[in-house]
């Protein structure tokens, strides 16, 4: 499970992929053929003793927790939702977004508590529940994996809890942000066992990344 000679890094498909590979290239940890559309599941850089796994964003913490990858790059929102037993090593600063509750513009209620006991559609049921519970609100959670904005339009929910970057999708679907829940950026995470067994390799990478980020 833990190949002691190589460092295996899980990279997420989507917006964080390009930003992750750019950053790794800056610290000489890139490899030929490492692109999102690659049909190869594992891409190896023999010289740098690196292996890359390209996977769905939501699966990155799982690969890392189970030691299939020593390290991973993933958003703070995904880490908190997944609740996996991993180390968070570094805030990479990119992929800035925030988790928020949004509602249909024309049916907006005056106060947050006016939404108590209503339905929330979300990819983040754990984070949503934590937030509403802190407000003393009981809600019904509908877990969806994509096109969350559709739920209020078709009357499936009264609100959504989702990640927003620019807010364009919200505006296009006549939804407005009602309350901001938390901020998120991309993080470098590590498997706990790998962190001890491969401390030298991991720490060297973390120090190199930290230098580039502070510059």
N, C-alpha and C. Protein backbone atom coordinates (compact mmCIF):
# COMPACT_ATOMS: atom_id res chain seq x y z
N UNK A 1 0.84 -1.21 0.00
CA UNK A 1 0.00 0.00 0.00
C UNK A 1 0.87 1.26 0.00
N UNK A 2 1.90 1.25 0.84
CA UNK A 2 2.79 2.42 0.88
C UNK A 2 4.10 2.07 0.17
N UNK A 3 4.25 2.51 -1.07
CA UNK A 3 5.48 2.32 -1.83
C UNK A 3 6.48 3.36 -1.30
N UNK A 4 7.44 2.88 -0.51
CA UNK A 4 8.32 3.83 0.22
C UNK A 4 9.24 4.63 -0.69
N UNK A 5 9.47 4.13 -1.90
CA UNK A 5 10.39 4.80 -2.80
C UNK A 5 9.74 5.97 -3.55
N UNK A 6 8.45 5.85 -3.80
CA UNK A 6 7.72 6.87 -4.57
C UNK A 6 6.75 7.65 -3.69
N UNK A 7 6.51 8.88 -4.09
CA UNK A 7 5.49 9.70 -3.44
C UNK A 7 4.30 9.74 -4.40
N UNK A 8 3.13 9.32 -3.93
CA UNK A 8 1.94 9.31 -4.79
C UNK A 8 1.02 10.47 -4.42
N UNK A 9 0.67 11.27 -5.44
CA UNK A 9 -0.15 12.47 -5.21
C UNK A 9 -1.46 12.35 -5.98
N UNK A 10 -2.58 12.49 -5.27
CA UNK A 10 -3.91 12.47 -5.90
C UNK A 10 -4.29 13.89 -6.30
N UNK A 11 -4.59 14.09 -7.58
CA UNK A 11 -4.99 15.41 -8.08
C UNK A 11 -6.44 15.38 -8.54
N UNK A 12 -7.20 16.44 -8.23
CA UNK A 12 -8.62 16.46 -8.59
C UNK A 12 -8.86 16.94 -10.01
N UNK A 13 -9.79 16.29 -10.68
CA UNK A 13 -10.22 16.77 -12.00
C UNK A 13 -10.94 18.09 -11.79
N UNK A 14 -11.03 18.91 -12.85
CA UNK A 14 -11.76 20.17 -12.72
C UNK A 14 -10.85 21.36 -12.53
N UNK A 15 -11.42 22.42 -11.96
CA UNK A 15 -10.72 23.71 -11.90
C UNK A 15 -9.40 23.68 -11.12
N UNK A 16 -9.28 22.80 -10.13
CA UNK A 16 -8.05 22.76 -9.33
C UNK A 16 -6.91 22.02 -10.01
N UNK A 17 -7.24 21.22 -11.03
CA UNK A 17 -6.20 20.40 -11.66
C UNK A 17 -5.08 21.24 -12.27
N UNK A 18 -5.45 22.17 -13.15
CA UNK A 18 -4.45 23.01 -13.82
C UNK A 18 -3.64 23.83 -12.85
N UNK A 19 -4.31 24.38 -11.84
CA UNK A 19 -3.63 25.20 -10.83
C UNK A 19 -2.65 24.36 -10.02
N UNK A 20 -3.03 23.12 -9.73
CA UNK A 20 -2.16 22.21 -8.97
C UNK A 20 -0.93 21.84 -9.76
N UNK A 21 -1.13 21.48 -11.04
CA UNK A 21 0.02 21.07 -11.86
C UNK A 21 0.97 22.24 -12.13
N UNK A 22 0.41 23.44 -12.28
CA UNK A 22 1.25 24.65 -12.46
C UNK A 22 2.15 24.85 -11.25
N UNK A 23 1.55 24.72 -10.07
CA UNK A 23 2.29 24.92 -8.83
C UNK A 23 3.36 23.85 -8.66
N UNK A 24 3.01 22.60 -8.96
CA UNK A 24 3.99 21.50 -8.85
C UNK A 24 5.14 21.69 -9.83
N UNK A 25 4.83 22.22 -11.02
CA UNK A 25 5.86 22.48 -12.02
C UNK A 25 6.87 23.51 -11.51
N UNK A 26 6.36 24.50 -10.77
CA UNK A 26 7.23 25.56 -10.24
C UNK A 26 8.25 25.02 -9.24
N UNK A 27 7.92 23.90 -8.60
CA UNK A 27 8.86 23.31 -7.64
C UNK A 27 9.51 22.04 -8.21
N UNK A 28 9.46 21.92 -9.55
CA UNK A 28 10.11 20.79 -10.23
C UNK A 28 9.49 19.44 -9.94
N UNK A 29 8.20 19.43 -9.62
CA UNK A 29 7.51 18.15 -9.33
C UNK A 29 6.44 17.86 -10.38
N UNK A 30 6.72 18.24 -11.63
CA UNK A 30 5.77 18.01 -12.72
C UNK A 30 6.19 16.74 -13.44
N UNK A 31 5.39 16.27 -14.35
CA UNK A 31 5.80 15.15 -15.18
C UNK A 31 5.15 15.21 -16.56
N UNK A 32 5.82 14.61 -17.52
CA UNK A 32 5.33 14.58 -18.90
C UNK A 32 4.03 13.77 -18.97
N UNK A 33 3.08 14.25 -19.73
CA UNK A 33 1.83 13.50 -19.92
C UNK A 33 0.84 13.66 -18.78
N UNK A 34 1.14 14.57 -17.84
CA UNK A 34 0.21 14.79 -16.74
C UNK A 34 -0.83 15.82 -17.17
N UNK A 35 -1.93 15.33 -17.71
CA UNK A 35 -3.03 16.23 -18.04
C UNK A 35 -4.36 15.56 -17.69
N UNK A 36 -5.33 16.39 -17.46
CA UNK A 36 -6.63 15.96 -16.94
C UNK A 36 -7.32 14.89 -17.79
N UNK A 37 -7.12 14.98 -19.11
CA UNK A 37 -7.82 14.06 -20.01
C UNK A 37 -7.05 12.76 -20.23
N UNK A 38 -5.97 12.58 -19.50
CA UNK A 38 -5.15 11.38 -19.67
C UNK A 38 -5.97 10.12 -19.42
N UNK A 39 -5.77 9.12 -20.28
CA UNK A 39 -6.48 7.84 -20.11
C UNK A 39 -5.75 6.94 -19.11
N UNK A 40 -4.50 7.29 -18.85
CA UNK A 40 -3.74 6.52 -17.86
C UNK A 40 -4.21 6.90 -16.47
N UNK A 41 -4.41 5.91 -15.61
CA UNK A 41 -4.92 6.18 -14.27
C UNK A 41 -3.81 6.61 -13.32
N UNK A 42 -2.61 6.09 -13.58
CA UNK A 42 -1.46 6.48 -12.76
C UNK A 42 -0.35 6.95 -13.70
N UNK A 43 0.15 8.16 -13.49
CA UNK A 43 1.21 8.73 -14.32
C UNK A 43 2.47 8.84 -13.45
N UNK A 44 3.56 8.29 -13.95
CA UNK A 44 4.77 8.19 -13.14
C UNK A 44 5.90 9.08 -13.65
N UNK A 45 6.62 9.69 -12.72
CA UNK A 45 7.84 10.43 -13.02
C UNK A 45 8.98 9.70 -12.30
N UNK A 46 9.67 8.83 -13.07
CA UNK A 46 10.74 7.99 -12.48
C UNK A 46 11.85 8.84 -11.85
N UNK A 47 12.25 9.91 -12.55
CA UNK A 47 13.36 10.74 -12.10
C UNK A 47 13.05 11.38 -10.74
N UNK A 48 11.86 11.98 -10.62
CA UNK A 48 11.49 12.67 -9.36
C UNK A 48 10.89 11.71 -8.34
N UNK A 49 10.76 10.42 -8.72
CA UNK A 49 10.15 9.40 -7.83
C UNK A 49 8.74 9.83 -7.40
N UNK A 50 7.94 10.19 -8.41
CA UNK A 50 6.57 10.63 -8.14
C UNK A 50 5.56 9.83 -8.95
N UNK A 51 4.41 9.60 -8.35
CA UNK A 51 3.28 9.01 -9.07
C UNK A 51 2.09 9.94 -8.89
N UNK A 52 1.30 10.10 -9.94
CA UNK A 52 0.11 10.95 -9.86
C UNK A 52 -1.14 10.14 -10.16
N UNK A 53 -2.17 10.34 -9.37
CA UNK A 53 -3.48 9.74 -9.61
C UNK A 53 -4.43 10.90 -9.92
N UNK A 54 -5.15 10.81 -11.03
CA UNK A 54 -6.13 11.85 -11.37
C UNK A 54 -7.51 11.29 -11.07
N UNK A 55 -8.24 11.98 -10.18
CA UNK A 55 -9.51 11.42 -9.72
C UNK A 55 -10.57 12.49 -9.53
N UNK A 56 -11.79 12.07 -9.26
CA UNK A 56 -12.86 13.03 -8.96
C UNK A 56 -12.55 13.73 -7.65
N UNK A 57 -12.86 15.02 -7.61
CA UNK A 57 -12.56 15.84 -6.43
C UNK A 57 -13.01 15.19 -5.12
N UNK A 58 -14.25 14.73 -5.08
CA UNK A 58 -14.82 14.17 -3.84
C UNK A 58 -14.09 12.92 -3.35
N UNK A 59 -13.36 12.25 -4.26
CA UNK A 59 -12.66 11.01 -3.88
C UNK A 59 -11.24 11.24 -3.35
N UNK A 60 -10.70 12.44 -3.54
CA UNK A 60 -9.32 12.71 -3.12
C UNK A 60 -9.09 12.39 -1.63
N UNK A 61 -9.93 12.89 -0.69
CA UNK A 61 -9.69 12.58 0.72
C UNK A 61 -9.73 11.08 1.03
N UNK A 62 -10.56 10.33 0.30
CA UNK A 62 -10.67 8.88 0.51
C UNK A 62 -9.39 8.18 0.08
N UNK A 63 -8.86 8.52 -1.10
CA UNK A 63 -7.60 7.95 -1.57
C UNK A 63 -6.49 8.21 -0.57
N UNK A 64 -6.48 9.42 -0.03
CA UNK A 64 -5.43 9.79 0.93
C UNK A 64 -5.63 9.06 2.26
N UNK A 65 -6.85 9.03 2.76
CA UNK A 65 -7.09 8.36 4.05
C UNK A 65 -6.67 6.88 4.01
N UNK A 66 -6.99 6.21 2.90
CA UNK A 66 -6.68 4.78 2.79
C UNK A 66 -5.26 4.48 2.31
N UNK A 67 -4.47 5.53 2.07
CA UNK A 67 -3.07 5.32 1.71
C UNK A 67 -2.83 4.95 0.26
N UNK A 68 -3.87 5.03 -0.58
CA UNK A 68 -3.67 4.81 -2.02
C UNK A 68 -2.86 5.97 -2.59
N UNK A 69 -2.98 7.13 -1.95
CA UNK A 69 -2.15 8.29 -2.27
C UNK A 69 -1.55 8.79 -0.96
N UNK A 70 -0.28 9.24 -1.03
CA UNK A 70 0.36 9.80 0.16
C UNK A 70 -0.12 11.22 0.41
N UNK A 71 -0.32 11.95 -0.72
CA UNK A 71 -0.73 13.35 -0.66
C UNK A 71 -1.90 13.58 -1.60
N UNK A 72 -2.61 14.68 -1.37
CA UNK A 72 -3.69 15.05 -2.28
C UNK A 72 -3.89 16.55 -2.26
N UNK A 73 -4.47 17.06 -3.34
CA UNK A 73 -4.85 18.48 -3.40
C UNK A 73 -6.36 18.53 -3.51
N UNK A 74 -6.99 19.27 -2.59
CA UNK A 74 -8.46 19.33 -2.59
C UNK A 74 -8.94 20.55 -1.81
N UNK A 75 -10.14 21.02 -2.12
CA UNK A 75 -10.71 22.19 -1.45
C UNK A 75 -11.05 21.93 0.01
N UNK A 76 -10.92 22.96 0.83
CA UNK A 76 -11.23 22.87 2.26
C UNK A 76 -12.68 22.43 2.48
N UNK A 77 -13.59 22.87 1.59
CA UNK A 77 -15.00 22.48 1.70
C UNK A 77 -15.17 20.97 1.58
N UNK A 78 -14.42 20.35 0.66
CA UNK A 78 -14.50 18.90 0.44
C UNK A 78 -13.91 18.15 1.63
N UNK A 79 -12.81 18.68 2.19
CA UNK A 79 -12.17 18.07 3.37
C UNK A 79 -13.15 18.05 4.54
N UNK A 80 -13.76 19.21 4.79
CA UNK A 80 -14.68 19.32 5.93
C UNK A 80 -15.93 18.46 5.76
N UNK A 81 -16.41 18.37 4.52
CA UNK A 81 -17.61 17.55 4.26
C UNK A 81 -17.28 16.07 4.42
N UNK A 82 -16.11 15.66 3.91
CA UNK A 82 -15.74 14.24 3.93
C UNK A 82 -15.42 13.73 5.34
N UNK A 83 -14.84 14.61 6.18
CA UNK A 83 -14.52 14.22 7.56
C UNK A 83 -13.56 13.05 7.67
N UNK A 84 -12.61 12.96 6.75
CA UNK A 84 -11.66 11.83 6.75
C UNK A 84 -10.52 12.06 7.73
N UNK A 85 -9.86 10.95 8.10
CA UNK A 85 -8.76 11.00 9.06
C UNK A 85 -7.45 11.26 8.30
N UNK A 86 -7.18 12.53 8.03
CA UNK A 86 -5.99 12.91 7.25
C UNK A 86 -5.32 14.12 7.91
N UNK A 87 -4.10 14.42 7.47
CA UNK A 87 -3.43 15.65 7.90
C UNK A 87 -3.64 16.73 6.85
N UNK A 88 -3.90 17.94 7.31
CA UNK A 88 -3.95 19.09 6.40
C UNK A 88 -2.62 19.81 6.56
N UNK A 89 -1.83 19.85 5.48
CA UNK A 89 -0.45 20.35 5.60
C UNK A 89 -0.27 21.81 5.21
N UNK A 90 -0.99 22.24 4.15
CA UNK A 90 -0.69 23.56 3.61
C UNK A 90 -1.91 24.15 2.91
N UNK A 91 -2.14 25.45 3.17
CA UNK A 91 -3.16 26.19 2.43
C UNK A 91 -2.50 26.68 1.15
N UNK A 92 -2.98 26.18 0.01
CA UNK A 92 -2.34 26.51 -1.28
C UNK A 92 -2.81 27.85 -1.84
N UNK A 93 -3.85 28.40 -1.24
CA UNK A 93 -4.27 29.77 -1.58
C UNK A 93 -5.09 29.94 -2.84
N UNK A 94 -5.09 28.95 -3.73
CA UNK A 94 -5.89 29.10 -4.96
C UNK A 94 -7.24 28.38 -4.83
N UNK A 95 -8.08 28.53 -5.86
CA UNK A 95 -9.41 27.90 -5.82
C UNK A 95 -10.32 28.55 -4.79
N UNK A 96 -10.15 29.87 -4.61
CA UNK A 96 -10.94 30.60 -3.60
C UNK A 96 -12.44 30.55 -3.94
N UNK A 97 -13.22 30.20 -2.94
CA UNK A 97 -14.68 30.19 -3.11
C UNK A 97 -15.29 30.23 -1.71
N UNK A 98 -16.60 30.29 -1.63
CA UNK A 98 -17.22 30.20 -0.31
C UNK A 98 -18.51 29.40 -0.35
N UNK A 99 -18.80 28.80 0.78
CA UNK A 99 -20.02 28.00 0.94
C UNK A 99 -21.12 28.94 1.41
N UNK A 100 -22.29 28.86 0.77
CA UNK A 100 -23.36 29.77 1.15
C UNK A 100 -24.72 29.11 0.97
N UNK A 101 -25.70 29.76 1.56
CA UNK A 101 -27.09 29.35 1.37
C UNK A 101 -27.70 30.35 0.38
N UNK A 102 -28.38 29.83 -0.64
CA UNK A 102 -29.04 30.70 -1.62
C UNK A 102 -30.51 30.32 -1.74
N UNK A 103 -31.33 31.29 -2.11
CA UNK A 103 -32.78 31.09 -2.19
C UNK A 103 -33.32 31.76 -3.46
N UNK A 104 -34.50 31.35 -3.94
CA UNK A 104 -35.09 32.03 -5.09
C UNK A 104 -35.37 33.50 -4.77
N UNK A 105 -34.94 34.38 -5.66
CA UNK A 105 -35.05 35.82 -5.47
C UNK A 105 -36.49 36.27 -5.20
N UNK A 106 -37.41 35.71 -5.94
CA UNK A 106 -38.82 36.16 -5.83
C UNK A 106 -39.56 35.54 -4.64
N UNK A 107 -38.92 34.58 -3.94
CA UNK A 107 -39.60 33.97 -2.79
C UNK A 107 -38.77 34.16 -1.51
N UNK A 108 -37.89 35.13 -1.55
CA UNK A 108 -36.97 35.37 -0.42
C UNK A 108 -37.74 35.73 0.85
N UNK A 109 -37.42 35.03 1.94
CA UNK A 109 -38.07 35.30 3.22
C UNK A 109 -37.23 36.29 4.02
N UNK A 110 -37.84 37.06 4.92
CA UNK A 110 -37.10 38.13 5.63
C UNK A 110 -35.91 37.65 6.47
N UNK A 111 -36.10 36.57 7.25
CA UNK A 111 -35.05 36.17 8.19
C UNK A 111 -34.64 34.71 7.96
N UNK A 112 -33.45 34.38 8.41
CA UNK A 112 -32.94 33.00 8.27
C UNK A 112 -33.88 32.00 8.95
N UNK A 113 -34.34 32.36 10.16
CA UNK A 113 -35.19 31.42 10.91
C UNK A 113 -36.54 31.15 10.22
N UNK A 114 -36.89 32.01 9.26
CA UNK A 114 -38.13 31.77 8.50
C UNK A 114 -38.00 30.53 7.61
N UNK A 115 -36.77 30.03 7.48
CA UNK A 115 -36.55 28.82 6.66
C UNK A 115 -36.49 27.54 7.50
N UNK A 116 -36.70 27.65 8.81
CA UNK A 116 -36.68 26.46 9.67
C UNK A 116 -37.69 25.44 9.15
N UNK A 117 -37.32 24.15 9.26
CA UNK A 117 -38.18 23.01 8.85
C UNK A 117 -38.50 23.02 7.35
N UNK A 118 -37.61 23.61 6.53
CA UNK A 118 -37.80 23.55 5.08
C UNK A 118 -36.73 22.64 4.48
N UNK A 119 -36.79 22.45 3.18
CA UNK A 119 -35.87 21.53 2.50
C UNK A 119 -34.69 22.27 1.87
N UNK A 120 -33.50 21.70 2.08
CA UNK A 120 -32.26 22.26 1.53
C UNK A 120 -31.64 21.24 0.59
N UNK A 121 -31.36 21.66 -0.64
CA UNK A 121 -30.65 20.78 -1.58
C UNK A 121 -29.17 21.14 -1.53
N UNK A 122 -28.31 20.12 -1.45
CA UNK A 122 -26.88 20.40 -1.29
C UNK A 122 -25.99 19.21 -1.62
N UNK A 123 -24.75 19.53 -1.99
CA UNK A 123 -23.70 18.51 -2.14
C UNK A 123 -23.01 18.31 -0.79
N UNK A 124 -23.31 19.21 0.14
CA UNK A 124 -22.60 19.26 1.43
C UNK A 124 -23.56 19.08 2.62
N UNK A 125 -24.24 17.92 2.73
CA UNK A 125 -25.22 17.75 3.80
C UNK A 125 -24.65 17.89 5.22
N UNK A 126 -23.40 17.42 5.42
CA UNK A 126 -22.80 17.50 6.77
C UNK A 126 -22.50 18.94 7.16
N UNK A 127 -21.92 19.70 6.23
CA UNK A 127 -21.61 21.10 6.51
C UNK A 127 -22.89 21.92 6.68
N UNK A 128 -23.88 21.63 5.85
CA UNK A 128 -25.16 22.35 5.95
C UNK A 128 -25.82 22.06 7.29
N UNK A 129 -25.83 20.79 7.67
CA UNK A 129 -26.47 20.41 8.94
C UNK A 129 -25.76 21.06 10.13
N UNK A 130 -24.43 21.08 10.06
CA UNK A 130 -23.64 21.70 11.14
C UNK A 130 -24.00 23.18 11.27
N UNK A 131 -24.10 23.86 10.12
CA UNK A 131 -24.42 25.28 10.12
C UNK A 131 -25.81 25.54 10.69
N UNK A 132 -26.82 24.84 10.18
CA UNK A 132 -28.20 25.09 10.63
C UNK A 132 -28.42 24.66 12.09
N UNK A 133 -27.75 23.58 12.50
CA UNK A 133 -27.86 23.13 13.89
C UNK A 133 -27.32 24.20 14.83
N UNK A 134 -26.23 24.88 14.40
CA UNK A 134 -25.65 25.96 15.21
C UNK A 134 -26.62 27.14 15.35
N UNK A 135 -27.54 27.26 14.39
CA UNK A 135 -28.56 28.32 14.46
C UNK A 135 -29.83 27.83 15.18
N UNK A 136 -29.76 26.58 15.66
CA UNK A 136 -30.92 25.97 16.33
C UNK A 136 -32.05 25.63 15.36
N UNK A 137 -31.67 25.37 14.09
CA UNK A 137 -32.67 25.09 13.07
C UNK A 137 -32.64 23.64 12.62
N UNK A 138 -33.83 23.03 12.56
CA UNK A 138 -33.95 21.69 11.99
C UNK A 138 -34.39 21.82 10.55
N UNK A 139 -33.70 21.08 9.66
CA UNK A 139 -34.01 21.17 8.24
C UNK A 139 -34.12 19.77 7.65
N UNK A 140 -34.66 19.72 6.43
CA UNK A 140 -34.66 18.45 5.70
C UNK A 140 -33.61 18.58 4.60
N UNK A 141 -32.66 17.61 4.54
CA UNK A 141 -31.55 17.71 3.60
C UNK A 141 -31.74 16.78 2.41
N UNK A 142 -31.58 17.34 1.22
CA UNK A 142 -31.67 16.55 -0.01
C UNK A 142 -30.28 16.55 -0.64
N UNK A 143 -29.64 15.38 -0.66
CA UNK A 143 -28.27 15.29 -1.20
C UNK A 143 -28.33 15.15 -2.71
N UNK A 144 -27.70 16.08 -3.40
CA UNK A 144 -27.58 16.04 -4.86
C UNK A 144 -26.11 16.12 -5.24
N UNK A 145 -25.77 15.62 -6.43
CA UNK A 145 -24.37 15.65 -6.86
C UNK A 145 -24.07 16.70 -7.92
N UNK A 146 -25.09 17.23 -8.55
CA UNK A 146 -24.85 18.25 -9.58
C UNK A 146 -26.08 19.09 -9.82
N UNK A 147 -25.91 20.24 -10.48
CA UNK A 147 -27.01 21.17 -10.79
C UNK A 147 -27.93 21.42 -9.59
N UNK A 148 -27.30 21.80 -8.49
CA UNK A 148 -28.03 22.06 -7.24
C UNK A 148 -29.08 23.16 -7.44
N UNK A 149 -28.75 24.15 -8.31
CA UNK A 149 -29.64 25.30 -8.54
C UNK A 149 -31.01 24.90 -9.06
N UNK A 150 -31.08 23.73 -9.65
CA UNK A 150 -32.33 23.25 -10.22
C UNK A 150 -33.39 22.96 -9.16
N UNK A 151 -32.96 22.51 -7.99
CA UNK A 151 -33.89 22.05 -6.94
C UNK A 151 -34.96 23.09 -6.56
N UNK A 152 -34.59 24.37 -6.26
CA UNK A 152 -35.63 25.34 -5.91
C UNK A 152 -36.52 25.70 -7.11
N UNK A 153 -35.93 25.68 -8.31
CA UNK A 153 -36.69 26.04 -9.52
C UNK A 153 -37.84 25.06 -9.75
N UNK A 154 -37.57 23.78 -9.52
CA UNK A 154 -38.61 22.77 -9.75
C UNK A 154 -39.42 22.45 -8.48
N UNK A 155 -39.18 23.24 -7.43
CA UNK A 155 -39.97 23.08 -6.21
C UNK A 155 -39.57 21.92 -5.32
N UNK A 156 -38.36 21.40 -5.54
CA UNK A 156 -37.90 20.27 -4.73
C UNK A 156 -37.36 20.74 -3.37
N UNK A 157 -36.89 21.98 -3.32
CA UNK A 157 -36.38 22.53 -2.05
C UNK A 157 -36.66 24.03 -2.00
N UNK A 158 -36.59 24.58 -0.79
CA UNK A 158 -36.80 26.02 -0.60
C UNK A 158 -35.49 26.80 -0.71
N UNK A 159 -34.37 26.07 -0.52
CA UNK A 159 -33.05 26.73 -0.58
C UNK A 159 -32.00 25.73 -1.02
N UNK A 160 -30.80 26.25 -1.26
CA UNK A 160 -29.66 25.38 -1.55
C UNK A 160 -28.48 25.81 -0.68
N UNK A 161 -27.58 24.87 -0.41
CA UNK A 161 -26.29 25.21 0.21
C UNK A 161 -25.25 24.71 -0.78
N UNK A 162 -24.44 25.63 -1.30
CA UNK A 162 -23.48 25.26 -2.33
C UNK A 162 -22.27 26.18 -2.31
N UNK A 163 -21.28 25.81 -3.10
CA UNK A 163 -20.06 26.61 -3.25
C UNK A 163 -20.30 27.65 -4.34
N UNK A 164 -19.85 28.87 -4.10
CA UNK A 164 -19.97 29.91 -5.12
C UNK A 164 -18.62 30.59 -5.32
N UNK A 165 -18.29 30.87 -6.59
CA UNK A 165 -17.05 31.60 -6.90
C UNK A 165 -17.41 32.99 -7.38
N UNK A 166 -18.16 33.06 -8.47
CA UNK A 166 -18.50 34.36 -9.05
C UNK A 166 -19.96 34.74 -8.86
N UNK A 167 -20.81 33.73 -8.64
CA UNK A 167 -22.24 33.99 -8.46
C UNK A 167 -23.03 34.04 -9.76
N UNK A 168 -22.33 33.82 -10.90
CA UNK A 168 -22.99 33.88 -12.21
C UNK A 168 -24.12 32.85 -12.32
N UNK A 169 -23.84 31.61 -11.92
CA UNK A 169 -24.85 30.54 -12.02
C UNK A 169 -26.08 30.87 -11.18
N UNK A 170 -25.85 31.47 -10.02
CA UNK A 170 -26.98 31.87 -9.16
C UNK A 170 -27.86 32.89 -9.88
N UNK A 171 -27.20 33.92 -10.41
CA UNK A 171 -27.95 34.99 -11.09
C UNK A 171 -28.71 34.45 -12.30
N UNK A 172 -28.07 33.57 -13.05
CA UNK A 172 -28.72 33.01 -14.24
C UNK A 172 -29.96 32.19 -13.89
N UNK A 173 -29.99 31.67 -12.67
CA UNK A 173 -31.13 30.85 -12.24
C UNK A 173 -32.04 31.58 -11.25
N UNK A 174 -31.90 32.93 -11.22
CA UNK A 174 -32.76 33.77 -10.39
C UNK A 174 -32.70 33.42 -8.89
N UNK A 175 -31.49 33.08 -8.45
CA UNK A 175 -31.27 32.78 -7.04
C UNK A 175 -30.39 33.87 -6.44
N UNK A 176 -30.56 34.14 -5.16
CA UNK A 176 -29.71 35.12 -4.49
C UNK A 176 -29.06 34.49 -3.26
N UNK A 177 -27.85 34.95 -3.00
CA UNK A 177 -27.14 34.47 -1.81
C UNK A 177 -27.85 35.02 -0.57
N UNK A 178 -28.15 34.15 0.37
CA UNK A 178 -28.89 34.58 1.56
C UNK A 178 -27.97 34.72 2.77
N UNK A 179 -27.07 33.76 2.93
CA UNK A 179 -26.12 33.85 4.05
C UNK A 179 -24.83 33.11 3.68
N UNK A 180 -23.70 33.72 4.04
CA UNK A 180 -22.39 33.09 3.79
C UNK A 180 -22.07 32.16 4.96
N UNK A 181 -21.64 30.94 4.66
CA UNK A 181 -21.36 29.96 5.71
C UNK A 181 -19.87 29.88 6.03
N UNK A 182 -19.03 29.72 5.00
CA UNK A 182 -17.58 29.66 5.24
C UNK A 182 -16.80 29.89 3.96
N UNK A 183 -15.52 30.24 4.12
CA UNK A 183 -14.62 30.42 2.98
C UNK A 183 -13.83 29.13 2.75
N UNK A 184 -13.39 28.93 1.51
CA UNK A 184 -12.59 27.73 1.22
C UNK A 184 -11.53 28.03 0.17
N UNK A 185 -10.37 27.36 0.33
CA UNK A 185 -9.30 27.40 -0.68
C UNK A 185 -8.76 25.97 -0.80
N UNK A 186 -7.89 25.74 -1.79
CA UNK A 186 -7.30 24.41 -1.97
C UNK A 186 -6.25 24.14 -0.89
N UNK A 187 -6.20 22.89 -0.45
CA UNK A 187 -5.23 22.48 0.59
C UNK A 187 -4.43 21.26 0.13
N UNK A 188 -3.23 21.14 0.68
CA UNK A 188 -2.42 19.93 0.47
C UNK A 188 -2.68 19.05 1.69
N UNK A 189 -3.12 17.81 1.44
CA UNK A 189 -3.41 16.90 2.55
C UNK A 189 -2.51 15.67 2.48
N UNK A 190 -2.32 14.99 3.62
CA UNK A 190 -1.43 13.82 3.66
C UNK A 190 -2.06 12.67 4.42
N UNK A 191 -1.67 11.47 4.01
CA UNK A 191 -2.02 10.26 4.76
C UNK A 191 -1.18 10.24 6.03
N UNK A 192 -1.77 9.86 7.15
CA UNK A 192 -1.06 9.91 8.44
C UNK A 192 0.17 8.99 8.49
N UNK A 193 0.03 7.79 7.95
CA UNK A 193 1.15 6.84 7.97
C UNK A 193 2.27 7.32 7.04
N UNK A 194 1.88 7.75 5.84
CA UNK A 194 2.86 8.28 4.87
C UNK A 194 3.64 9.44 5.45
N UNK A 195 2.93 10.28 6.20
CA UNK A 195 3.57 11.47 6.76
C UNK A 195 4.73 11.09 7.68
N UNK A 196 4.59 9.95 8.37
CA UNK A 196 5.69 9.48 9.24
C UNK A 196 6.74 8.74 8.42
N UNK A 197 6.29 7.81 7.54
CA UNK A 197 7.22 6.98 6.78
C UNK A 197 8.01 7.77 5.73
N UNK A 198 7.36 8.78 5.14
CA UNK A 198 8.01 9.53 4.05
C UNK A 198 8.17 10.99 4.44
N UNK A 199 8.42 11.21 5.71
CA UNK A 199 8.49 12.59 6.22
C UNK A 199 9.46 13.46 5.44
N UNK A 200 10.65 12.90 5.14
CA UNK A 200 11.69 13.67 4.46
C UNK A 200 11.21 14.18 3.09
N UNK A 201 10.64 13.25 2.29
CA UNK A 201 10.16 13.61 0.95
C UNK A 201 9.00 14.61 1.01
N UNK A 202 8.08 14.32 1.93
CA UNK A 202 6.89 15.18 2.06
C UNK A 202 7.27 16.57 2.55
N UNK A 203 8.12 16.60 3.58
CA UNK A 203 8.52 17.88 4.16
C UNK A 203 9.28 18.73 3.16
N UNK A 204 10.11 18.08 2.34
CA UNK A 204 10.87 18.79 1.31
C UNK A 204 9.91 19.45 0.31
N UNK A 205 8.87 18.71 -0.09
CA UNK A 205 7.87 19.26 -1.01
C UNK A 205 7.10 20.42 -0.38
N UNK A 206 6.69 20.23 0.87
CA UNK A 206 5.94 21.28 1.59
C UNK A 206 6.77 22.56 1.70
N UNK A 207 8.05 22.41 2.04
CA UNK A 207 8.93 23.59 2.17
C UNK A 207 9.09 24.31 0.84
N UNK A 208 9.27 23.54 -0.25
CA UNK A 208 9.41 24.13 -1.58
C UNK A 208 8.14 24.87 -1.99
N UNK A 209 6.99 24.24 -1.72
CA UNK A 209 5.70 24.87 -2.07
C UNK A 209 5.49 26.15 -1.25
N UNK A 210 5.80 26.08 0.03
CA UNK A 210 5.64 27.24 0.91
C UNK A 210 6.47 28.43 0.44
N UNK A 211 7.70 28.13 -0.05
CA UNK A 211 8.58 29.20 -0.57
C UNK A 211 7.94 29.89 -1.79
N UNK A 212 7.46 29.07 -2.73
CA UNK A 212 6.83 29.59 -3.94
C UNK A 212 5.58 30.40 -3.59
N UNK A 213 4.79 29.88 -2.66
CA UNK A 213 3.54 30.57 -2.28
C UNK A 213 3.81 31.91 -1.59
N UNK A 214 4.84 31.94 -0.74
CA UNK A 214 5.13 33.19 -0.04
C UNK A 214 5.75 34.22 -0.98
N UNK A 215 6.40 33.74 -2.05
CA UNK A 215 6.99 34.64 -3.03
C UNK A 215 5.90 35.26 -3.89
